[in-house]
Amino acid sequence: MLSQEDRGLCRLFAEMLDYPDSSLPGKAEGFARQLAQAHPEIAGPVQSFAAFLKSQEEAGTLEELFTQTFDITPATTLYFGYHLFGETPKRSVFLVRLQEAYEGCSFSRGTELADHLGVILRFLSVAEDAEFGYPLLEECLLPTLTQMEKELKKSDSMYALVIGPLRSFLQHIARKSVKTGGVLHA
């Protein structure tokens, strides 16, 4: 579905959106370098995000920022089913469909719910089914990321420096898919 490079970038974007630990600043620096090589047009914000992480001396500050941004603020939650359907039975159906797709690829979501953005990005990095992946990009991820980016920018959140480039990266993947007749690959 995706090129090896794009698969790796999906996984790295997912790592930036994991709950922060002491390894995040180093991971972010490495990711910023890799993104600058692959997509220099969107790497600047990620470089700024990496510099911000490096400047934070206390891990608690990053944990607090993450929690405030993604766990307390519903408009920027990382659970995409919530954005799309709220707490309705439709979200449950969405979760089941995602889980079925994951099982079809022998993909484990770990301990997160199936609609967590990090899980979805990791799934895209292994998925081969463009008939499932392309609509997931176009109908779920891109519209939601656009709204999340607006909300994050309004609150001057440092995570806008990750969500904006992620949206641009996924738009690039979607455009490549359209050019190849709906098949997601490089």
N, C-alpha and C. Protein backbone atom coordinates (compact mmCIF):
# COMPACT_ATOMS: atom_id res chain seq x y z
N MET A 1 0.81 -1.19 0.00
CA MET A 1 0.00 0.00 0.00
C MET A 1 0.86 1.26 0.00
N LEU A 2 1.83 1.38 0.89
CA LEU A 2 2.72 2.54 0.94
C LEU A 2 4.14 2.12 0.62
N SER A 3 4.95 3.09 0.21
CA SER A 3 6.37 2.82 0.02
C SER A 3 7.00 2.53 1.39
N GLN A 4 8.15 1.90 1.39
CA GLN A 4 8.85 1.60 2.64
C GLN A 4 9.13 2.89 3.41
N GLU A 5 9.55 3.93 2.70
CA GLU A 5 9.83 5.21 3.35
C GLU A 5 8.58 5.77 4.02
N ASP A 6 7.46 5.76 3.31
CA ASP A 6 6.21 6.28 3.88
C ASP A 6 5.73 5.42 5.04
N ARG A 7 5.94 4.12 4.97
CA ARG A 7 5.58 3.23 6.10
C ARG A 7 6.37 3.64 7.34
N GLY A 8 7.66 3.87 7.16
CA GLY A 8 8.50 4.28 8.28
C GLY A 8 8.07 5.61 8.85
N LEU A 9 7.70 6.54 7.98
CA LEU A 9 7.26 7.86 8.45
C LEU A 9 5.94 7.76 9.21
N CYS A 10 5.04 6.88 8.77
CA CYS A 10 3.80 6.67 9.53
C CYS A 10 4.10 6.21 10.95
N ARG A 11 5.03 5.27 11.08
CA ARG A 11 5.40 4.77 12.41
C ARG A 11 6.03 5.88 13.25
N LEU A 12 6.86 6.71 12.63
CA LEU A 12 7.51 7.79 13.37
C LEU A 12 6.51 8.86 13.80
N PHE A 13 5.56 9.19 12.93
CA PHE A 13 4.51 10.12 13.34
C PHE A 13 3.74 9.55 14.53
N ALA A 14 3.46 8.25 14.49
CA ALA A 14 2.75 7.60 15.60
C ALA A 14 3.55 7.74 16.90
N GLU A 15 4.86 7.57 16.82
CA GLU A 15 5.70 7.70 18.02
C GLU A 15 5.62 9.11 18.61
N MET A 16 5.50 10.11 17.76
CA MET A 16 5.40 11.49 18.25
C MET A 16 4.10 11.70 19.02
N LEU A 17 3.11 10.86 18.75
CA LEU A 17 1.80 11.02 19.38
C LEU A 17 1.56 10.00 20.49
N ASP A 18 2.59 9.26 20.86
CA ASP A 18 2.49 8.37 22.02
C ASP A 18 2.64 9.19 23.29
N TYR A 19 2.17 8.64 24.40
CA TYR A 19 2.37 9.31 25.68
C TYR A 19 3.87 9.52 25.87
N PRO A 20 4.31 10.73 26.20
CA PRO A 20 5.74 11.04 26.23
C PRO A 20 6.50 10.32 27.36
N ASP A 21 7.72 9.94 27.03
CA ASP A 21 8.65 9.45 28.03
C ASP A 21 10.01 10.09 27.76
N SER A 22 11.02 9.68 28.48
CA SER A 22 12.33 10.34 28.37
C SER A 22 12.98 10.16 27.00
N SER A 23 12.52 9.18 26.21
CA SER A 23 13.12 8.96 24.90
C SER A 23 12.52 9.85 23.80
N LEU A 24 11.42 10.53 24.09
CA LEU A 24 10.73 11.32 23.06
C LEU A 24 11.61 12.41 22.44
N PRO A 25 12.34 13.21 23.21
CA PRO A 25 13.16 14.25 22.56
C PRO A 25 14.16 13.68 21.55
N GLY A 26 14.82 12.60 21.89
CA GLY A 26 15.76 11.98 20.95
C GLY A 26 15.06 11.42 19.73
N LYS A 27 13.94 10.77 19.95
CA LYS A 27 13.16 10.24 18.82
C LYS A 27 12.71 11.38 17.90
N ALA A 28 12.27 12.48 18.49
CA ALA A 28 11.80 13.61 17.70
C ALA A 28 12.92 14.22 16.86
N GLU A 29 14.13 14.29 17.42
CA GLU A 29 15.27 14.81 16.65
C GLU A 29 15.56 13.91 15.44
N GLY A 30 15.59 12.61 15.68
CA GLY A 30 15.84 11.67 14.59
C GLY A 30 14.74 11.73 13.54
N PHE A 31 13.50 11.83 14.00
CA PHE A 31 12.38 11.92 13.08
C PHE A 31 12.46 13.19 12.25
N ALA A 32 12.80 14.31 12.87
CA ALA A 32 12.90 15.58 12.15
C ALA A 32 13.95 15.49 11.04
N ARG A 33 15.08 14.83 11.34
CA ARG A 33 16.12 14.66 10.31
C ARG A 33 15.61 13.80 9.15
N GLN A 34 14.94 12.71 9.49
CA GLN A 34 14.44 11.81 8.45
C GLN A 34 13.36 12.48 7.61
N LEU A 35 12.48 13.23 8.26
CA LEU A 35 11.42 13.92 7.53
C LEU A 35 12.02 15.01 6.63
N ALA A 36 13.08 15.67 7.08
CA ALA A 36 13.73 16.71 6.27
C ALA A 36 14.31 16.12 4.99
N GLN A 37 14.76 14.89 5.05
CA GLN A 37 15.29 14.24 3.84
C GLN A 37 14.17 13.82 2.90
N ALA A 38 13.09 13.28 3.47
CA ALA A 38 12.01 12.75 2.64
C ALA A 38 11.03 13.81 2.17
N HIS A 39 10.70 14.74 3.05
CA HIS A 39 9.69 15.78 2.76
C HIS A 39 10.13 17.10 3.37
N PRO A 40 11.15 17.74 2.81
CA PRO A 40 11.66 18.98 3.41
C PRO A 40 10.62 20.08 3.53
N GLU A 41 9.60 20.04 2.68
CA GLU A 41 8.58 21.09 2.70
C GLU A 41 7.71 21.06 3.96
N ILE A 42 7.70 19.95 4.68
CA ILE A 42 6.88 19.88 5.90
C ILE A 42 7.72 19.62 7.16
N ALA A 43 9.03 19.60 7.03
CA ALA A 43 9.89 19.23 8.16
C ALA A 43 10.10 20.36 9.17
N GLY A 44 9.97 21.61 8.75
CA GLY A 44 10.24 22.73 9.65
C GLY A 44 9.49 22.68 10.98
N PRO A 45 8.17 22.49 10.94
CA PRO A 45 7.45 22.43 12.21
C PRO A 45 7.90 21.27 13.12
N VAL A 46 8.20 20.13 12.52
CA VAL A 46 8.66 18.99 13.32
C VAL A 46 10.03 19.29 13.93
N GLN A 47 10.87 20.01 13.21
CA GLN A 47 12.16 20.43 13.77
C GLN A 47 11.94 21.35 14.96
N SER A 48 10.97 22.25 14.85
CA SER A 48 10.64 23.14 15.98
C SER A 48 10.09 22.35 17.15
N PHE A 49 9.27 21.34 16.87
CA PHE A 49 8.73 20.48 17.93
C PHE A 49 9.87 19.75 18.64
N ALA A 50 10.82 19.22 17.87
CA ALA A 50 11.97 18.52 18.46
C ALA A 50 12.79 19.46 19.33
N ALA A 51 13.00 20.69 18.87
CA ALA A 51 13.76 21.67 19.66
C ALA A 51 13.02 22.01 20.96
N PHE A 52 11.69 22.14 20.87
CA PHE A 52 10.90 22.40 22.07
C PHE A 52 11.05 21.25 23.07
N LEU A 53 10.92 20.02 22.59
CA LEU A 53 11.04 18.86 23.48
C LEU A 53 12.40 18.83 24.17
N LYS A 54 13.43 19.12 23.40
CA LYS A 54 14.80 19.10 23.94
C LYS A 54 14.97 20.18 25.03
N SER A 55 14.25 21.28 24.89
CA SER A 55 14.38 22.38 25.86
C SER A 55 13.66 22.12 27.17
N GLN A 56 12.82 21.10 27.20
CA GLN A 56 12.06 20.80 28.41
C GLN A 56 12.90 19.92 29.33
N GLU A 57 13.17 20.40 30.51
CA GLU A 57 14.05 19.68 31.43
C GLU A 57 13.30 18.66 32.27
N GLU A 58 12.03 18.87 32.49
CA GLU A 58 11.28 17.95 33.33
C GLU A 58 10.29 17.15 32.49
N ALA A 59 10.35 15.83 32.63
CA ALA A 59 9.45 14.95 31.89
C ALA A 59 7.99 15.26 32.23
N GLY A 60 7.74 15.67 33.46
CA GLY A 60 6.37 15.98 33.87
C GLY A 60 5.73 17.07 33.04
N THR A 61 6.53 18.00 32.55
CA THR A 61 6.01 19.09 31.71
C THR A 61 5.44 18.53 30.42
N LEU A 62 6.17 17.59 29.80
CA LEU A 62 5.70 16.99 28.55
C LEU A 62 4.46 16.13 28.79
N GLU A 63 4.46 15.41 29.89
CA GLU A 63 3.29 14.58 30.22
C GLU A 63 2.06 15.45 30.44
N GLU A 64 2.25 16.56 31.14
CA GLU A 64 1.14 17.48 31.39
C GLU A 64 0.64 18.08 30.08
N LEU A 65 1.55 18.49 29.21
CA LEU A 65 1.16 19.04 27.91
C LEU A 65 0.37 18.01 27.11
N PHE A 66 0.85 16.78 27.07
CA PHE A 66 0.17 15.72 26.32
C PHE A 66 -1.24 15.50 26.87
N THR A 67 -1.33 15.36 28.18
CA THR A 67 -2.63 15.11 28.81
C THR A 67 -3.60 16.26 28.56
N GLN A 68 -3.12 17.48 28.73
CA GLN A 68 -3.97 18.66 28.50
C GLN A 68 -4.43 18.71 27.04
N THR A 69 -3.54 18.37 26.14
CA THR A 69 -3.84 18.49 24.71
C THR A 69 -4.78 17.39 24.23
N PHE A 70 -4.50 16.15 24.58
CA PHE A 70 -5.21 15.04 23.97
C PHE A 70 -6.21 14.31 24.86
N ASP A 71 -6.03 14.39 26.16
CA ASP A 71 -6.92 13.64 27.05
C ASP A 71 -8.03 14.49 27.65
N ILE A 72 -7.76 15.75 27.90
CA ILE A 72 -8.74 16.61 28.56
C ILE A 72 -9.57 17.40 27.55
N THR A 73 -9.01 17.66 26.40
CA THR A 73 -9.68 18.50 25.40
C THR A 73 -10.34 17.62 24.33
N PRO A 74 -11.66 17.46 24.37
CA PRO A 74 -12.34 16.57 23.41
C PRO A 74 -12.09 16.93 21.94
N ALA A 75 -11.94 18.21 21.64
CA ALA A 75 -11.76 18.63 20.24
C ALA A 75 -10.44 18.16 19.65
N THR A 76 -9.51 17.73 20.51
CA THR A 76 -8.20 17.29 20.01
C THR A 76 -7.86 15.89 20.51
N THR A 77 -8.85 15.13 20.91
CA THR A 77 -8.58 13.76 21.34
C THR A 77 -7.97 12.96 20.19
N LEU A 78 -7.15 11.99 20.53
CA LEU A 78 -6.53 11.14 19.51
C LEU A 78 -7.43 9.97 19.10
N TYR A 79 -8.62 9.88 19.66
CA TYR A 79 -9.57 8.81 19.32
C TYR A 79 -10.48 9.29 18.21
N PHE A 80 -10.18 8.86 17.01
CA PHE A 80 -10.85 9.39 15.83
C PHE A 80 -12.31 9.00 15.72
N GLY A 81 -12.68 7.85 16.27
CA GLY A 81 -14.09 7.47 16.28
C GLY A 81 -14.92 8.47 17.06
N TYR A 82 -14.33 9.04 18.11
CA TYR A 82 -15.04 10.06 18.88
C TYR A 82 -15.28 11.30 18.03
N HIS A 83 -14.28 11.72 17.26
CA HIS A 83 -14.45 12.88 16.37
C HIS A 83 -15.54 12.63 15.34
N LEU A 84 -15.55 11.43 14.80
CA LEU A 84 -16.47 11.12 13.71
C LEU A 84 -17.90 10.85 14.18
N PHE A 85 -18.03 10.16 15.32
CA PHE A 85 -19.35 9.67 15.72
C PHE A 85 -19.77 10.03 17.14
N GLY A 86 -18.87 10.64 17.92
CA GLY A 86 -19.18 10.90 19.32
C GLY A 86 -19.34 9.58 20.06
N GLU A 87 -20.02 9.62 21.17
CA GLU A 87 -20.26 8.40 21.95
C GLU A 87 -21.58 7.79 21.52
N THR A 88 -21.62 7.32 20.28
CA THR A 88 -22.83 6.71 19.73
C THR A 88 -22.53 5.27 19.31
N PRO A 89 -23.57 4.49 19.02
CA PRO A 89 -23.33 3.13 18.52
C PRO A 89 -22.52 3.10 17.22
N LYS A 90 -22.55 4.17 16.45
CA LYS A 90 -21.77 4.21 15.21
C LYS A 90 -20.27 4.12 15.50
N ARG A 91 -19.86 4.70 16.62
CA ARG A 91 -18.44 4.60 16.99
C ARG A 91 -18.09 3.14 17.28
N SER A 92 -18.99 2.44 17.93
CA SER A 92 -18.75 1.02 18.22
C SER A 92 -18.59 0.22 16.93
N VAL A 93 -19.41 0.51 15.95
CA VAL A 93 -19.32 -0.17 14.65
C VAL A 93 -17.97 0.16 14.00
N PHE A 94 -17.56 1.42 14.08
CA PHE A 94 -16.27 1.85 13.54
C PHE A 94 -15.13 1.10 14.22
N LEU A 95 -15.18 0.98 15.54
CA LEU A 95 -14.15 0.25 16.28
C LEU A 95 -14.08 -1.21 15.84
N VAL A 96 -15.23 -1.82 15.66
CA VAL A 96 -15.27 -3.23 15.22
C VAL A 96 -14.68 -3.36 13.83
N ARG A 97 -15.05 -2.46 12.91
CA ARG A 97 -14.50 -2.52 11.54
C ARG A 97 -12.99 -2.36 11.54
N LEU A 98 -12.49 -1.43 12.34
CA LEU A 98 -11.05 -1.25 12.44
C LEU A 98 -10.39 -2.52 12.98
N GLN A 99 -10.96 -3.08 14.05
CA GLN A 99 -10.38 -4.27 14.64
C GLN A 99 -10.37 -5.43 13.65
N GLU A 100 -11.42 -5.57 12.86
CA GLU A 100 -11.47 -6.62 11.83
C GLU A 100 -10.36 -6.40 10.79
N ALA A 101 -10.16 -5.15 10.40
CA ALA A 101 -9.09 -4.85 9.43
C ALA A 101 -7.73 -5.17 10.04
N TYR A 102 -7.55 -4.84 11.31
CA TYR A 102 -6.29 -5.13 12.00
C TYR A 102 -6.04 -6.63 12.04
N GLU A 103 -7.05 -7.38 12.40
CA GLU A 103 -6.90 -8.83 12.48
C GLU A 103 -6.60 -9.43 11.11
N GLY A 104 -7.19 -8.86 10.05
CA GLY A 104 -6.93 -9.33 8.69
C GLY A 104 -5.47 -9.16 8.28
N CYS A 105 -4.77 -8.25 8.93
CA CYS A 105 -3.34 -8.02 8.65
C CYS A 105 -2.46 -8.59 9.75
N SER A 106 -3.06 -9.33 10.67
CA SER A 106 -2.32 -9.83 11.85
C SER A 106 -1.63 -8.69 12.59
N PHE A 107 -2.32 -7.58 12.69
CA PHE A 107 -1.80 -6.38 13.34
C PHE A 107 -2.37 -6.28 14.74
N SER A 108 -1.52 -6.03 15.71
CA SER A 108 -1.95 -5.87 17.10
C SER A 108 -1.98 -4.39 17.45
N ARG A 109 -3.08 -3.95 18.02
CA ARG A 109 -3.23 -2.55 18.41
C ARG A 109 -2.66 -2.28 19.79
N GLY A 110 -2.18 -3.31 20.45
CA GLY A 110 -1.64 -3.12 21.80
C GLY A 110 -2.77 -2.86 22.77
N THR A 111 -2.55 -1.93 23.69
CA THR A 111 -3.54 -1.67 24.73
C THR A 111 -4.48 -0.52 24.40
N GLU A 112 -4.23 0.18 23.32
CA GLU A 112 -5.07 1.31 22.94
C GLU A 112 -6.32 0.82 22.21
N LEU A 113 -7.35 1.66 22.21
CA LEU A 113 -8.54 1.37 21.41
C LEU A 113 -8.17 1.45 19.93
N ALA A 114 -8.94 0.78 19.13
CA ALA A 114 -8.64 0.66 17.69
C ALA A 114 -8.68 1.99 16.96
N ASP A 115 -9.39 2.99 17.49
CA ASP A 115 -9.52 4.26 16.77
C ASP A 115 -8.50 5.31 17.21
N HIS A 116 -7.51 4.92 18.00
CA HIS A 116 -6.46 5.85 18.42
C HIS A 116 -5.58 6.18 17.21
N LEU A 117 -5.27 7.44 17.03
CA LEU A 117 -4.50 7.89 15.86
C LEU A 117 -3.17 7.14 15.73
N GLY A 118 -2.46 6.96 16.82
CA GLY A 118 -1.19 6.24 16.76
C GLY A 118 -1.37 4.82 16.25
N VAL A 119 -2.43 4.16 16.69
CA VAL A 119 -2.72 2.79 16.24
C VAL A 119 -3.04 2.80 14.75
N ILE A 120 -3.86 3.74 14.33
CA ILE A 120 -4.24 3.81 12.91
C ILE A 120 -3.01 4.06 12.05
N LEU A 121 -2.12 4.94 12.47
CA LEU A 121 -0.90 5.22 11.70
C LEU A 121 -0.02 3.98 11.62
N ARG A 122 0.11 3.26 12.72
CA ARG A 122 0.91 2.03 12.70
C ARG A 122 0.27 0.99 11.79
N PHE A 123 -1.06 0.94 11.80
CA PHE A 123 -1.76 0.02 10.90
C PHE A 123 -1.50 0.39 9.44
N LEU A 124 -1.58 1.68 9.12
CA LEU A 124 -1.32 2.10 7.74
C LEU A 124 0.09 1.71 7.30
N SER A 125 1.00 1.62 8.26
CA SER A 125 2.39 1.27 7.91
C SER A 125 2.54 -0.20 7.54
N VAL A 126 1.53 -1.02 7.82
CA VAL A 126 1.61 -2.45 7.48
C VAL A 126 0.50 -2.89 6.54
N ALA A 127 -0.54 -2.08 6.40
CA ALA A 127 -1.72 -2.46 5.62
C ALA A 127 -1.40 -2.59 4.14
N GLU A 128 -2.05 -3.53 3.52
CA GLU A 128 -1.90 -3.74 2.07
C GLU A 128 -3.20 -3.46 1.33
N ASP A 129 -4.30 -3.32 2.04
CA ASP A 129 -5.62 -3.19 1.43
C ASP A 129 -5.96 -1.73 1.18
N ALA A 130 -5.70 -1.26 -0.03
CA ALA A 130 -5.99 0.14 -0.38
C ALA A 130 -7.48 0.42 -0.37
N GLU A 131 -8.32 -0.60 -0.59
CA GLU A 131 -9.76 -0.38 -0.59
C GLU A 131 -10.26 -0.01 0.81
N PHE A 132 -9.52 -0.38 1.83
CA PHE A 132 -9.85 0.03 3.19
C PHE A 132 -9.04 1.27 3.57
N GLY A 133 -7.77 1.28 3.19
CA GLY A 133 -6.86 2.36 3.60
C GLY A 133 -7.19 3.71 3.01
N TYR A 134 -7.52 3.75 1.73
CA TYR A 134 -7.79 5.03 1.08
C TYR A 134 -9.02 5.73 1.68
N PRO A 135 -10.16 5.03 1.84
CA PRO A 135 -11.29 5.71 2.49
C PRO A 135 -10.99 6.11 3.94
N LEU A 136 -10.19 5.31 4.62
CA LEU A 136 -9.79 5.67 5.98
C LEU A 136 -9.04 7.01 5.98
N LEU A 137 -8.17 7.18 5.00
CA LEU A 137 -7.44 8.44 4.85
C LEU A 137 -8.39 9.59 4.50
N GLU A 138 -9.12 9.41 3.42
CA GLU A 138 -9.93 10.50 2.87
C GLU A 138 -11.13 10.87 3.71
N GLU A 139 -11.81 9.89 4.28
CA GLU A 139 -13.07 10.16 4.96
C GLU A 139 -12.93 10.31 6.47
N CYS A 140 -11.86 9.78 7.02
CA CYS A 140 -11.71 9.81 8.48
C CYS A 140 -10.53 10.67 8.91
N LEU A 141 -9.34 10.31 8.46
CA LEU A 141 -8.14 10.97 8.97
C LEU A 141 -8.01 12.41 8.52
N LEU A 142 -8.06 12.66 7.23
CA LEU A 142 -7.80 14.02 6.74
C LEU A 142 -8.79 15.07 7.25
N PRO A 143 -10.09 14.81 7.19
CA PRO A 143 -11.01 15.84 7.72
C PRO A 143 -10.82 16.08 9.22
N THR A 144 -10.58 15.02 9.96
CA THR A 144 -10.41 15.16 11.41
C THR A 144 -9.10 15.87 11.73
N LEU A 145 -8.03 15.53 11.03
CA LEU A 145 -6.75 16.20 11.27
C LEU A 145 -6.83 17.68 10.95
N THR A 146 -7.59 18.03 9.92
CA THR A 146 -7.77 19.44 9.57
C THR A 146 -8.42 20.19 10.74
N GLN A 147 -9.46 19.61 11.31
CA GLN A 147 -10.14 20.24 12.46
C GLN A 147 -9.23 20.28 13.68
N MET A 148 -8.52 19.18 13.93
CA MET A 148 -7.61 19.14 15.09
C MET A 148 -6.53 20.20 14.96
N GLU A 149 -5.98 20.34 13.77
CA GLU A 149 -4.92 21.33 13.56
C GLU A 149 -5.44 22.73 13.87
N LYS A 150 -6.64 23.06 13.42
CA LYS A 150 -7.23 24.38 13.71
C LYS A 150 -7.35 24.59 15.21
N GLU A 151 -7.85 23.58 15.92
CA GLU A 151 -8.01 23.69 17.37
C GLU A 151 -6.67 23.84 18.08
N LEU A 152 -5.68 23.06 17.64
CA LEU A 152 -4.36 23.13 18.27
C LEU A 152 -3.69 24.47 18.02
N LYS A 153 -3.88 25.02 16.84
CA LYS A 153 -3.32 26.34 16.54
C LYS A 153 -4.00 27.43 17.37
N LYS A 154 -5.31 27.30 17.55
CA LYS A 154 -6.04 28.28 18.37
C LYS A 154 -5.49 28.34 19.78
N SER A 155 -5.11 27.19 20.31
CA SER A 155 -4.61 27.15 21.69
C SER A 155 -3.08 27.23 21.75
N ASP A 156 -2.44 27.49 20.62
CA ASP A 156 -0.98 27.59 20.53
C ASP A 156 -0.28 26.33 21.07
N SER A 157 -0.88 25.18 20.83
CA SER A 157 -0.30 23.93 21.30
C SER A 157 0.91 23.55 20.45
N MET A 158 1.94 23.08 21.12
CA MET A 158 3.13 22.61 20.40
C MET A 158 2.81 21.40 19.53
N TYR A 159 1.76 20.67 19.86
CA TYR A 159 1.40 19.50 19.07
C TYR A 159 0.85 19.86 17.69
N ALA A 160 0.51 21.13 17.48
CA ALA A 160 0.14 21.57 16.12
C ALA A 160 1.33 21.39 15.19
N LEU A 161 2.54 21.42 15.75
CA LEU A 161 3.76 21.25 14.95
C LEU A 161 3.95 19.81 14.48
N VAL A 162 3.16 18.90 15.00
CA VAL A 162 3.17 17.51 14.55
C VAL A 162 1.93 17.23 13.69
N ILE A 163 0.78 17.68 14.16
CA ILE A 163 -0.47 17.38 13.46
C ILE A 163 -0.51 18.04 12.08
N GLY A 164 -0.03 19.27 11.95
CA GLY A 164 -0.01 19.94 10.64
C GLY A 164 0.82 19.17 9.62
N PRO A 165 2.08 18.85 9.93
CA PRO A 165 2.87 18.06 8.98
C PRO A 165 2.28 16.66 8.73
N LEU A 166 1.68 16.06 9.74
CA LEU A 166 1.04 14.75 9.53
C LEU A 166 -0.09 14.87 8.52
N ARG A 167 -0.91 15.91 8.66
CA ARG A 167 -2.00 16.12 7.70
C ARG A 167 -1.43 16.30 6.29
N SER A 168 -0.39 17.10 6.16
CA SER A 168 0.24 17.33 4.85
C SER A 168 0.82 16.03 4.29
N PHE A 169 1.47 15.26 5.13
CA PHE A 169 2.04 13.98 4.71
C PHE A 169 0.94 13.03 4.22
N LEU A 170 -0.15 12.93 4.95
CA LEU A 170 -1.23 12.03 4.54
C LEU A 170 -1.94 12.54 3.29
N GLN A 171 -2.03 13.87 3.13
CA GLN A 171 -2.58 14.42 1.88
C GLN A 171 -1.70 14.03 0.70
N HIS A 172 -0.39 14.06 0.89
CA HIS A 172 0.56 13.65 -0.14
C HIS A 172 0.31 12.18 -0.52
N ILE A 173 0.13 11.34 0.47
CA ILE A 173 -0.14 9.92 0.22
C ILE A 173 -1.46 9.76 -0.53
N ALA A 174 -2.48 10.50 -0.13
CA ALA A 174 -3.78 10.41 -0.80
C ALA A 174 -3.68 10.88 -2.25
N ARG A 175 -2.91 11.95 -2.51
CA ARG A 175 -2.73 12.43 -3.89
C ARG A 175 -2.02 11.39 -4.74
N LYS A 176 -1.01 10.75 -4.17
CA LYS A 176 -0.31 9.69 -4.91
C LYS A 176 -1.27 8.56 -5.23
N SER A 177 -2.18 8.28 -4.31
CA SER A 177 -3.14 7.21 -4.51
C SER A 177 -4.07 7.54 -5.68
N VAL A 178 -4.53 8.78 -5.75
CA VAL A 178 -5.42 9.19 -6.83
C VAL A 178 -4.70 9.05 -8.17
N LYS A 179 -3.43 9.42 -8.21
CA LYS A 179 -2.65 9.33 -9.45
C LYS A 179 -2.45 7.89 -9.91
N THR A 180 -2.50 6.95 -8.97
CA THR A 180 -2.27 5.54 -9.31
C THR A 180 -3.59 4.76 -9.31
N GLY A 181 -4.71 5.48 -9.44
CA GLY A 181 -6.00 4.81 -9.53
C GLY A 181 -6.52 4.23 -8.23
N GLY A 182 -6.21 4.88 -7.12
CA GLY A 182 -6.72 4.42 -5.83
C GLY A 182 -5.84 3.42 -5.13
N VAL A 183 -4.70 3.08 -5.74
CA VAL A 183 -3.78 2.15 -5.08
C VAL A 183 -2.74 2.97 -4.34
N LEU A 184 -2.67 2.75 -3.05
CA LEU A 184 -1.74 3.52 -2.24
C LEU A 184 -0.35 2.90 -2.30
N HIS A 185 0.54 3.53 -3.05
CA HIS A 185 1.95 3.13 -3.07
C HIS A 185 2.75 4.25 -3.71
N ALA A 186 4.07 4.12 -3.62
CA ALA A 186 4.93 5.16 -4.18
C ALA A 186 5.15 4.93 -5.66
